[in-house]
Amino acid sequence: MNGETKDHPNGIASKTQKFDLWRNTCNGIVEASFTSTCLLVSIRYFGASDTAKSLLASGGSIGFLFAPLFLILIGKSNLPVSKICSTLMALTAIFILISATSTSAWFYVICVLLGCVLAVQVPSLMVHVYSNNYRPNEKGGRISGNLMLSSATGGATALIIGLILDWDLAYFKVIAVGTFLICLGTAYFHLKIPSKPLESDSLGLSQNLIHASKDRLFLWMLSGLMLTGIGV
């Protein structure tokens, strides 16, 4: 069939890679804004307490603790995974925008923390999308380039944001508005990625590991995700 299979046609794989490239580009900017501004603003602008700073720093870990519950609820919703991811990123964008109106440390920390908890649910859901849209032996190759672009974009964004905040810390509000718009872009590109509803049998650890083992590069990437907590 000229390189196509019934389950993984080239058209779906190409469309997924195309819009995932744009999604990763936007996501790199969003992640950089989180890491570059949150702690800095909470400490230097709001003078946050040690408890608030600790909660903010552990936002991703707190989100991962809620991941099993999110997966169960999403599995029962019968909605395409891309729509779920888009909704999560849209809600994240709203919390980022609200954080720009903060007048106290705790309000800022809570807004950012809620956004972070929602955003970190996306990587595990995207693994489901990749498993359905890519052949077992091509996932690593198709994803790795997008992740490299996301990292490069994030690094450049972090540098620019750092320079802006060094100039005037009050510009974090402008950065939050810009991040809100980019996050909405991430949500839009999620909608363009083909996906199926999350099936209950896809939640099994053993089955997921079997799928991952068919592509060694993809398996290494998943291992890196679990060890570092960096989203895809």
Foldseek 3Di string as FASTA:
>chain_A
DVPADPQAGPVQLVLQLVLLLLLLLLVLLLVLLLVQQQLVCLCPVAVHDPVLSVLSVCLLVVLVVCLVVVLVVQQVVQDWLLLLLLVLLLQLLVLLLVLLVDPHSVSNSVSNSSSNSSNLNNQVSVLQLLLRHDDLACSLVSVVVSNVSSNVSNVVSSVVVNVVCVVPVNCSSVSSNVSSVSSNVSSVSSVSRDGGRDHPVVPDPVVSVVSNVSYVSSVVVVVVCVVPVDGD
